[in-house]
N, C-alpha and C. Protein backbone atom coordinates (compact mmCIF):
# COMPACT_ATOMS: atom_id res chain seq x y z
N MET A 1 0.83 -1.18 0.05
CA MET A 1 0.06 -0.03 0.01
C MET A 1 0.87 1.23 0.03
N ASN A 2 0.58 2.17 -0.83
CA ASN A 2 1.34 3.43 -0.92
C ASN A 2 0.51 4.52 -0.28
N VAL A 3 1.17 5.43 0.42
CA VAL A 3 0.59 6.60 1.05
C VAL A 3 1.31 7.79 0.64
N VAL A 4 0.58 8.84 0.27
CA VAL A 4 1.16 10.09 -0.11
C VAL A 4 1.45 10.92 1.13
N VAL A 5 2.71 11.28 1.30
CA VAL A 5 3.21 11.99 2.51
C VAL A 5 3.26 13.43 2.22
N ASN A 6 2.67 14.30 3.00
CA ASN A 6 2.78 15.70 2.87
C ASN A 6 3.58 16.45 3.89
N HIS A 7 3.96 15.78 4.86
CA HIS A 7 4.74 16.43 5.98
C HIS A 7 6.23 16.31 5.59
N PRO A 8 7.09 17.08 6.29
CA PRO A 8 8.56 16.99 6.00
C PRO A 8 8.99 15.61 6.29
N ILE A 9 10.01 15.11 5.54
CA ILE A 9 10.64 13.81 5.66
C ILE A 9 11.99 13.97 6.09
N VAL A 10 12.42 13.13 7.08
CA VAL A 10 13.83 13.21 7.56
C VAL A 10 14.59 12.23 6.70
N ALA A 11 15.66 12.77 6.09
CA ALA A 11 16.45 11.92 5.23
C ALA A 11 17.49 11.15 5.94
N ALA A 12 17.75 9.97 5.65
CA ALA A 12 18.79 9.13 6.25
C ALA A 12 20.10 9.49 5.78
N ALA A 13 21.11 9.63 6.65
CA ALA A 13 22.53 9.84 6.30
C ALA A 13 22.66 10.99 5.36
N SER A 14 22.09 12.10 5.61
CA SER A 14 22.16 13.27 4.76
C SER A 14 23.00 14.36 5.44
N ALA A 15 24.33 14.44 5.06
CA ALA A 15 25.24 15.45 5.71
C ALA A 15 25.35 16.68 4.85
N SER A 16 24.77 16.69 3.72
CA SER A 16 24.91 17.89 2.85
C SER A 16 23.91 18.89 3.18
N SER A 17 24.19 20.14 2.81
CA SER A 17 23.27 21.19 3.07
C SER A 17 22.21 21.37 1.97
N ASN A 18 22.39 20.77 0.82
CA ASN A 18 21.43 20.83 -0.22
C ASN A 18 20.10 20.07 0.18
N ALA A 19 19.00 20.87 0.13
CA ALA A 19 17.68 20.28 0.49
C ALA A 19 17.25 19.17 -0.36
N LEU A 20 17.65 19.04 -1.61
CA LEU A 20 17.22 18.00 -2.52
C LEU A 20 18.14 16.72 -2.52
N ASP A 21 19.13 16.72 -1.68
CA ASP A 21 20.04 15.62 -1.66
C ASP A 21 19.32 14.31 -1.22
N TRP A 22 18.31 14.45 -0.45
CA TRP A 22 17.58 13.29 -0.01
C TRP A 22 16.88 12.56 -1.13
N LEU A 23 16.73 13.18 -2.27
CA LEU A 23 16.14 12.64 -3.46
C LEU A 23 17.07 11.61 -4.21
N GLU A 24 18.32 11.50 -3.79
CA GLU A 24 19.23 10.53 -4.50
C GLU A 24 18.89 9.10 -4.11
N PRO A 25 18.24 8.38 -5.01
CA PRO A 25 17.82 7.03 -4.59
C PRO A 25 19.03 5.99 -4.61
N VAL A 26 18.78 4.89 -3.85
CA VAL A 26 19.74 3.90 -3.74
C VAL A 26 20.03 3.24 -5.08
N GLU A 27 21.13 2.54 -5.31
CA GLU A 27 21.49 1.94 -6.60
C GLU A 27 20.89 0.60 -6.80
N ASP A 28 20.85 -0.22 -5.78
CA ASP A 28 20.35 -1.60 -5.93
C ASP A 28 19.78 -2.14 -4.60
N ALA A 29 19.23 -3.33 -4.73
CA ALA A 29 18.57 -4.04 -3.52
C ALA A 29 19.56 -4.21 -2.37
N ASN A 30 20.73 -4.56 -2.65
CA ASN A 30 21.71 -4.72 -1.60
C ASN A 30 21.96 -3.51 -0.84
N THR A 31 22.09 -2.39 -1.53
CA THR A 31 22.34 -1.13 -0.91
C THR A 31 21.16 -0.72 -0.07
N LEU A 32 19.88 -0.98 -0.62
CA LEU A 32 18.71 -0.59 0.16
C LEU A 32 18.73 -1.42 1.43
N CYS A 33 18.98 -2.71 1.37
CA CYS A 33 18.98 -3.52 2.62
C CYS A 33 20.01 -3.03 3.67
N ASP A 34 21.19 -2.72 3.14
CA ASP A 34 22.24 -2.21 4.00
C ASP A 34 21.80 -0.84 4.65
N ARG A 35 21.20 0.01 3.89
CA ARG A 35 20.78 1.31 4.42
C ARG A 35 19.69 1.12 5.45
N VAL A 36 18.76 0.24 5.22
CA VAL A 36 17.65 -0.03 6.14
C VAL A 36 18.14 -0.60 7.48
N THR A 37 19.07 -1.53 7.42
CA THR A 37 19.53 -2.10 8.67
C THR A 37 20.37 -1.15 9.46
N ALA A 38 21.02 -0.14 8.80
CA ALA A 38 21.88 0.85 9.46
C ALA A 38 21.08 2.01 9.92
N ALA A 39 19.84 2.23 9.36
CA ALA A 39 19.15 3.49 9.63
C ALA A 39 18.37 3.46 10.98
N SER A 40 18.02 4.57 11.45
CA SER A 40 17.20 4.77 12.66
C SER A 40 15.72 4.73 12.33
N PRO A 41 14.84 4.38 13.27
CA PRO A 41 13.47 4.47 12.98
C PRO A 41 13.04 5.92 12.59
N GLY A 42 12.23 6.01 11.57
CA GLY A 42 11.80 7.29 11.09
C GLY A 42 12.60 7.79 9.87
N ASP A 43 13.75 7.21 9.62
CA ASP A 43 14.56 7.70 8.49
C ASP A 43 13.91 7.30 7.19
N ALA A 44 13.98 8.20 6.16
CA ALA A 44 13.43 7.93 4.87
C ALA A 44 14.57 7.63 3.85
N ILE A 45 14.41 6.57 3.14
CA ILE A 45 15.32 6.19 2.21
C ILE A 45 14.66 6.04 0.86
N PRO A 46 15.04 6.95 -0.16
CA PRO A 46 14.42 6.84 -1.51
C PRO A 46 14.95 5.67 -2.24
N TYR A 47 14.18 4.96 -2.93
CA TYR A 47 14.65 3.86 -3.74
C TYR A 47 14.29 3.98 -5.22
N PHE A 48 13.44 4.99 -5.62
CA PHE A 48 13.15 5.26 -7.00
C PHE A 48 12.56 6.59 -7.15
N ILE A 49 12.82 7.34 -8.20
CA ILE A 49 12.23 8.55 -8.63
C ILE A 49 11.60 8.42 -10.01
N GLY A 50 10.34 8.64 -10.14
CA GLY A 50 9.69 8.50 -11.44
C GLY A 50 8.29 8.00 -11.18
N LEU A 51 7.83 7.16 -12.16
CA LEU A 51 6.56 6.54 -12.05
C LEU A 51 6.83 4.96 -12.01
N LEU A 52 6.73 4.39 -10.85
CA LEU A 52 7.19 2.97 -10.60
C LEU A 52 6.40 2.00 -11.39
N ALA A 53 5.06 2.14 -11.45
CA ALA A 53 4.29 1.22 -12.15
C ALA A 53 4.54 1.22 -13.64
N ARG A 54 4.68 2.43 -14.24
CA ARG A 54 5.01 2.50 -15.65
C ARG A 54 6.42 2.00 -15.91
N ASP A 55 7.34 2.34 -15.16
CA ASP A 55 8.71 2.00 -15.48
C ASP A 55 9.00 0.47 -15.19
N ARG A 56 8.08 -0.17 -14.46
CA ARG A 56 8.30 -1.70 -14.31
C ARG A 56 7.64 -2.40 -15.44
N ASP A 57 6.72 -1.77 -16.17
CA ASP A 57 5.94 -2.36 -17.25
C ASP A 57 6.76 -2.58 -18.42
N ARG A 58 6.73 -3.75 -19.05
CA ARG A 58 7.57 -4.10 -20.21
C ARG A 58 7.23 -3.25 -21.43
N LEU A 59 5.93 -2.91 -21.56
CA LEU A 59 5.53 -2.15 -22.83
C LEU A 59 5.66 -0.66 -22.58
N ALA A 60 5.24 -0.16 -21.46
CA ALA A 60 5.16 1.23 -21.10
C ALA A 60 6.46 1.95 -20.69
N SER A 61 7.44 1.06 -20.26
CA SER A 61 8.62 1.61 -19.63
C SER A 61 9.47 2.35 -20.61
N ARG A 62 10.18 3.35 -20.17
CA ARG A 62 11.11 4.09 -20.94
C ARG A 62 12.57 3.53 -20.68
N LEU A 63 12.61 2.53 -19.78
CA LEU A 63 13.93 1.92 -19.46
C LEU A 63 14.20 0.74 -20.28
N ASP A 64 15.51 0.49 -20.49
CA ASP A 64 15.85 -0.76 -21.20
C ASP A 64 15.65 -1.95 -20.36
N ALA A 65 15.74 -3.13 -20.99
CA ALA A 65 15.42 -4.38 -20.28
C ALA A 65 16.34 -4.58 -19.01
N GLU A 66 17.61 -4.24 -19.17
CA GLU A 66 18.49 -4.43 -17.99
C GLU A 66 18.14 -3.55 -16.77
N HIS A 67 17.89 -2.35 -17.10
CA HIS A 67 17.52 -1.38 -15.97
C HIS A 67 16.19 -1.68 -15.46
N ARG A 68 15.24 -2.14 -16.28
CA ARG A 68 13.86 -2.52 -15.85
C ARG A 68 13.99 -3.76 -14.85
N ALA A 69 14.80 -4.72 -15.18
CA ALA A 69 15.01 -5.87 -14.36
C ALA A 69 15.64 -5.52 -13.01
N GLU A 70 16.55 -4.49 -12.99
CA GLU A 70 17.14 -4.01 -11.76
C GLU A 70 16.09 -3.30 -10.96
N LEU A 71 15.26 -2.53 -11.59
CA LEU A 71 14.16 -1.81 -10.91
C LEU A 71 13.15 -2.93 -10.33
N ASP A 72 12.84 -3.90 -11.01
CA ASP A 72 11.96 -4.97 -10.54
C ASP A 72 12.52 -5.56 -9.21
N THR A 73 13.83 -5.89 -9.29
CA THR A 73 14.45 -6.47 -8.08
C THR A 73 14.44 -5.55 -6.88
N LEU A 74 14.76 -4.24 -7.10
CA LEU A 74 14.74 -3.22 -6.14
C LEU A 74 13.35 -3.03 -5.48
N ALA A 75 12.33 -2.96 -6.31
CA ALA A 75 10.95 -2.71 -5.93
C ALA A 75 10.46 -3.89 -5.13
N ASP A 76 10.81 -5.11 -5.61
CA ASP A 76 10.41 -6.35 -4.88
C ASP A 76 11.18 -6.42 -3.54
N CYS A 77 12.40 -5.99 -3.43
CA CYS A 77 13.04 -5.98 -2.14
C CYS A 77 12.40 -5.02 -1.20
N ALA A 78 11.97 -3.84 -1.65
CA ALA A 78 11.30 -2.88 -0.83
C ALA A 78 9.99 -3.47 -0.32
N TRP A 79 9.29 -4.13 -1.20
CA TRP A 79 7.99 -4.78 -0.82
C TRP A 79 8.19 -5.84 0.25
N ARG A 80 9.27 -6.69 0.06
CA ARG A 80 9.55 -7.73 1.07
C ARG A 80 9.91 -7.11 2.44
N LEU A 81 10.68 -6.01 2.38
CA LEU A 81 11.06 -5.33 3.69
C LEU A 81 9.71 -4.83 4.35
N ALA A 82 8.81 -4.27 3.61
CA ALA A 82 7.59 -3.84 4.17
C ALA A 82 6.73 -4.97 4.72
N ASP A 83 6.72 -6.00 3.96
CA ASP A 83 5.97 -7.23 4.33
C ASP A 83 6.55 -7.81 5.66
N ALA A 84 7.80 -7.75 5.81
CA ALA A 84 8.42 -8.30 6.97
C ALA A 84 8.39 -7.34 8.26
N GLY A 85 7.83 -6.16 8.00
CA GLY A 85 7.63 -5.22 9.09
C GLY A 85 8.76 -4.32 9.31
N TRP A 86 9.77 -4.24 8.47
CA TRP A 86 10.94 -3.38 8.68
C TRP A 86 10.73 -1.96 8.28
N VAL A 87 9.86 -1.71 7.23
CA VAL A 87 9.65 -0.38 6.69
C VAL A 87 8.22 -0.13 6.32
N HIS A 88 7.89 1.14 6.17
CA HIS A 88 6.59 1.55 5.51
C HIS A 88 6.96 2.03 4.09
N LEU A 89 6.12 1.69 3.15
CA LEU A 89 6.31 2.18 1.77
C LEU A 89 5.49 3.38 1.58
N VAL A 90 6.05 4.46 1.17
CA VAL A 90 5.33 5.70 0.90
C VAL A 90 5.81 6.30 -0.46
N GLN A 91 5.09 7.22 -0.95
CA GLN A 91 5.51 8.02 -2.10
C GLN A 91 5.21 9.46 -1.90
N ARG A 92 5.98 10.35 -2.50
CA ARG A 92 5.86 11.76 -2.41
C ARG A 92 5.99 12.38 -3.86
N ARG A 93 5.10 13.21 -4.18
CA ARG A 93 5.09 13.84 -5.56
C ARG A 93 6.32 14.86 -5.49
N VAL A 94 7.15 14.77 -6.51
CA VAL A 94 8.33 15.69 -6.60
C VAL A 94 8.23 16.57 -7.87
N GLY A 95 7.20 16.22 -8.76
CA GLY A 95 7.02 17.05 -9.95
C GLY A 95 5.87 16.39 -10.79
N PRO A 96 5.67 16.95 -11.99
CA PRO A 96 4.65 16.34 -12.92
C PRO A 96 5.09 14.95 -13.35
N GLU A 97 4.22 13.99 -13.18
CA GLU A 97 4.50 12.63 -13.48
C GLU A 97 5.80 12.06 -12.86
N SER A 98 6.10 12.49 -11.63
CA SER A 98 7.27 12.14 -10.93
C SER A 98 7.02 12.06 -9.45
N PHE A 99 7.31 10.87 -8.87
CA PHE A 99 7.19 10.67 -7.43
C PHE A 99 8.53 10.06 -6.88
N ALA A 100 8.72 10.41 -5.64
CA ALA A 100 9.85 9.77 -4.91
C ALA A 100 9.21 8.62 -4.15
N TYR A 101 9.69 7.42 -4.42
CA TYR A 101 9.25 6.22 -3.70
C TYR A 101 10.22 5.92 -2.58
N LEU A 102 9.68 5.91 -1.41
CA LEU A 102 10.47 5.93 -0.15
C LEU A 102 10.14 4.70 0.75
N VAL A 103 11.14 4.27 1.44
CA VAL A 103 10.95 3.31 2.61
C VAL A 103 11.19 4.18 3.79
N ILE A 104 10.30 4.06 4.74
CA ILE A 104 10.38 4.77 6.09
C ILE A 104 10.65 3.64 7.07
N VAL A 105 11.80 3.74 7.68
CA VAL A 105 12.25 2.70 8.63
C VAL A 105 11.37 2.70 9.91
N ARG A 106 10.93 1.50 10.13
CA ARG A 106 10.03 1.37 11.41
C ARG A 106 10.88 0.96 12.62
N ALA A 107 10.37 1.27 13.76
CA ALA A 107 10.96 0.70 15.04
C ALA A 107 10.92 -0.73 14.97
N ARG A 108 11.98 -1.33 15.33
CA ARG A 108 12.02 -2.88 15.31
C ARG A 108 11.69 -3.35 16.67
N PRO A 109 10.89 -4.39 16.84
CA PRO A 109 10.75 -5.12 18.08
C PRO A 109 12.00 -5.66 18.54
N ARG A 110 12.20 -5.81 19.83
CA ARG A 110 13.43 -6.31 20.38
C ARG A 110 13.85 -7.59 19.76
N GLN A 111 12.95 -8.51 19.53
CA GLN A 111 13.24 -9.84 18.90
C GLN A 111 13.86 -9.67 17.51
N GLN A 112 13.22 -8.80 16.74
CA GLN A 112 13.68 -8.50 15.39
C GLN A 112 15.09 -7.90 15.40
N ARG A 113 15.33 -7.00 16.36
CA ARG A 113 16.67 -6.35 16.46
C ARG A 113 17.76 -7.48 16.77
N GLN A 114 17.45 -8.34 17.63
CA GLN A 114 18.45 -9.40 17.94
C GLN A 114 18.66 -10.32 16.73
N ARG A 115 17.64 -10.61 15.99
CA ARG A 115 17.80 -11.41 14.74
C ARG A 115 18.75 -10.67 13.74
N ALA A 116 18.38 -9.36 13.66
CA ALA A 116 19.23 -8.54 12.70
C ALA A 116 20.72 -8.49 13.12
N ALA A 117 20.90 -8.45 14.39
CA ALA A 117 22.28 -8.41 14.91
C ALA A 117 23.02 -9.72 14.55
N VAL A 118 22.37 -10.84 14.65
CA VAL A 118 22.93 -12.11 14.38
C VAL A 118 23.26 -12.17 12.90
N LEU A 119 22.26 -11.71 12.09
CA LEU A 119 22.50 -11.77 10.60
C LEU A 119 23.69 -10.86 10.26
N LEU A 120 23.79 -9.73 10.83
CA LEU A 120 24.85 -8.77 10.45
C LEU A 120 26.20 -9.32 10.90
N ALA A 121 26.22 -10.05 12.04
CA ALA A 121 27.44 -10.65 12.53
C ALA A 121 27.95 -11.75 11.64
N ALA A 122 27.14 -12.47 11.03
CA ALA A 122 27.44 -13.61 10.15
C ALA A 122 27.99 -13.20 8.84
């Protein structure tokens, strides 16, 4: 489920003074997972800018097959993170026919944090 967010969003790991730096999406699914596990609850991590449904579609997409496959993997990873309770999926309009698709990191239950620590240590 996507929700349009109208309030200010806190960007994860943003040390720059440029207000639009938070719009820089992650490169791939591995980077998204790494940033989610390192982020604090409430941090917003963009994973795509554009129209996700259109750009994932084989016929309507403006992306080549390789980039579309990478986008599918990234969007599926974001969905699995949300399904597992790690993040909320949201979108924010950034322009005409353009949205920032974000994962908002959720507070993790203690049991989930312990599991994540074991996975990161391995």
